[in-house]
C-alpha atoms as a PDB file:
ATOM      1  CA  MET A   1     -11.363 -21.152  -3.254  1.00  0.00           C
ATOM      2  CA  ARG A   2     -10.880 -17.689  -3.645  1.00  0.00           C
ATOM      3  CA  GLN A   3      -9.280 -16.946  -7.176  1.00  0.00           C
ATOM      4  CA  ARG A   4      -5.872 -14.914  -6.892  1.00  0.00           C
ATOM      5  CA  ARG A   5      -5.622 -11.286  -8.149  1.00  0.00           C
ATOM      6  CA  LYS A   6      -2.349  -9.336  -9.487  1.00  0.00           C
ATOM      7  CA  THR A   7      -2.631  -6.864  -5.971  1.00  0.00           C
ATOM      8  CA  LEU A   8      -0.202  -3.949  -5.438  1.00  0.00           C
ATOM      9  CA  VAL A   9       1.258  -3.648  -1.505  1.00  0.00           C
ATOM     10  CA  VAL A  10       2.746  -0.387  -1.073  1.00  0.00           C
ATOM     11  CA  THR A  11       4.996  -1.413   2.702  1.00  0.00           C
ATOM     12  CA  PHE A  12       7.049   1.219   4.969  1.00  0.00           C
ATOM     13  CA  ASN A  13       9.165   1.701   7.491  1.00  0.00           C
ATOM     14  CA  THR A  14       6.566   2.874  10.339  1.00  0.00           C
ATOM     15  CA  THR A  15       3.718   1.875  11.720  1.00  0.00           C
ATOM     16  CA  GLN A  16       2.994   6.033  11.623  1.00  0.00           C
ATOM     17  CA  GLU A  17       3.061   5.581   7.729  1.00  0.00           C
ATOM     18  CA  ALA A  18       0.805   3.084   7.142  1.00  0.00           C
ATOM     19  CA  LEU A  19      -1.737   4.697   9.287  1.00  0.00           C
ATOM     20  CA  GLY A  20      -1.231   8.270   7.237  1.00  0.00           C
ATOM     21  CA  MET A  21      -1.517   6.327   4.113  1.00  0.00           C
ATOM     22  CA  GLU A  22      -4.845   5.300   5.444  1.00  0.00           C
ATOM     23  CA  LYS A  23      -6.002   8.261   6.598  1.00  0.00           C
ATOM     24  CA  PHE A  24      -5.039   9.698   3.662  1.00  0.00           C
ATOM     25  CA  CYS A  25      -6.477   7.783   1.343  1.00  0.00           C
ATOM     26  CA  ILE A  26      -9.411   7.765   3.164  1.00  0.00           C
ATOM     27  CA  LYS A  27      -9.871  11.335   2.802  1.00  0.00           C
ATOM     28  CA  ASN A  28      -8.805  11.005  -1.046  1.00  0.00           C
ATOM     29  CA  GLN A  29     -11.385   8.117  -1.702  1.00  0.00           C
ATOM     30  CA  ILE A  30      -8.401   6.229  -2.540  1.00  0.00           C
ATOM     31  CA  PRO A  31      -9.631   2.279  -2.947  1.00  0.00           C
ATOM     32  CA  GLY A  32      -7.116   0.254  -1.390  1.00  0.00           C
ATOM     33  CA  ARG A  33      -7.665  -0.843   2.601  1.00  0.00           C
ATOM     34  CA  LEU A  34      -4.086  -1.888   4.701  1.00  0.00           C
ATOM     35  CA  ILE A  35      -3.412  -5.353   5.667  1.00  0.00           C
ATOM     36  CA  PRO A  36      -0.693  -7.472   6.995  1.00  0.00           C
ATOM     37  CA  VAL A  37       2.568  -7.696   5.072  1.00  0.00           C
ATOM     38  CA  PRO A  38       2.325 -11.069   3.025  1.00  0.00           C
ATOM     39  CA  GLY A  39       4.841 -13.702   3.514  1.00  0.00           C
ATOM     40  CA  GLU A  40       6.058 -13.208   0.211  1.00  0.00           C
ATOM     41  CA  ILE A  41       8.263  -9.892   1.349  1.00  0.00           C
ATOM     42  CA  THR A  42       9.033  -7.956   5.062  1.00  0.00           C
ATOM     43  CA  ALA A  43       8.559  -4.695   5.046  1.00  0.00           C
ATOM     44  CA  GLY A  44       9.610  -3.034   8.749  1.00  0.00           C
ATOM     45  CA  CYS A  45       5.917  -2.340  10.887  1.00  0.00           C
ATOM     46  CA  GLY A  46       4.311  -5.486   9.242  1.00  0.00           C
ATOM     47  CA  LEU A  47       1.792  -2.633   7.436  1.00  0.00           C
ATOM     48  CA  ALA A  48       1.131  -2.309   3.756  1.00  0.00           C
ATOM     49  CA  TRP A  49      -1.491  -0.317   1.922  1.00  0.00           C
ATOM     50  CA  LYS A  50      -3.247  -2.570  -0.613  1.00  0.00           C
ATOM     51  CA  THR A  51      -4.388  -1.997  -3.824  1.00  0.00           C
ATOM     52  CA  ILE A  52      -5.205  -2.425  -7.522  1.00  0.00           C
ATOM     53  CA  PRO A  53      -2.220  -2.376 -10.015  1.00  0.00           C
ATOM     54  CA  GLU A  54      -3.351  -0.245 -11.965  1.00  0.00           C
ATOM     55  CA  GLU A  55      -3.458   2.918  -9.520  1.00  0.00           C
ATOM     56  CA  GLU A  56       0.890   2.213  -8.674  1.00  0.00           C
ATOM     57  CA  ARG A  57       1.515   5.292 -10.581  1.00  0.00           C
ATOM     58  CA  GLU A  58      -1.538   8.249  -9.479  1.00  0.00           C
ATOM     59  CA  ILE A  59      -0.759   6.926  -6.049  1.00  0.00           C
ATOM     60  CA  GLU A  60       3.159   7.276  -5.757  1.00  0.00           C
ATOM     61  CA  GLU A  61       2.792  10.167  -7.478  1.00  0.00           C
ATOM     62  CA  ARG A  62       0.262  11.086  -4.902  1.00  0.00           C
ATOM     63  CA  MET A  63       2.534  10.122  -1.979  1.00  0.00           C
ATOM     64  CA  GLU A  64       5.260  11.864  -3.683  1.00  0.00           C
ATOM     65  CA  ALA A  65       3.093  15.512  -3.548  1.00  0.00           C
ATOM     66  CA  GLN A  66       1.449  14.831  -0.317  1.00  0.00           C
ATOM     67  CA  GLY A  67       4.840  13.952   1.107  1.00  0.00           C
ATOM     68  CA  ILE A  68       4.403  10.615   2.494  1.00  0.00           C
ATOM     69  CA  LYS A  69       6.974   7.987   2.284  1.00  0.00           C
ATOM     70  CA  TRP A  70       6.826   4.311   1.890  1.00  0.00           C
ATOM     71  CA  ALA A  71       9.561   1.520   1.547  1.00  0.00           C
ATOM     72  CA  SER A  72       8.441  -0.080  -1.189  1.00  0.00           C
ATOM     73  CA  MET A  73       5.675  -1.301  -3.946  1.00  0.00           C
ATOM     74  CA  TYR A  74       5.522  -4.779  -5.051  1.00  0.00           C
ATOM     75  CA  ILE A  75       2.777  -6.398  -7.755  1.00  0.00           C
ATOM     76  CA  LEU A  76       2.188  -9.732  -6.203  1.00  0.00           C
ATOM     77  CA  GLU A  77      -0.858 -12.551  -6.421  1.00  0.00           C
ATOM     78  CA  LEU A  78      -2.885 -12.597  -3.240  1.00  0.00           C
END
């Protein structure tokens, strides 16, 4: 059985925003990946960015600087 870990989950209103986040993160070597939105939460497009919670502040700052829009951020045990 897989051990649950705290995870930062960033949700988006549109698929285009989620894919833009993925492209930005790959280009800038930001750790994480796109996942289906976990059942514990809801989001407009059904996709979310998953990364380590220690990156929350840096990711938020970089997303704001890049103009990437997001709906919400959650710390979940996944």
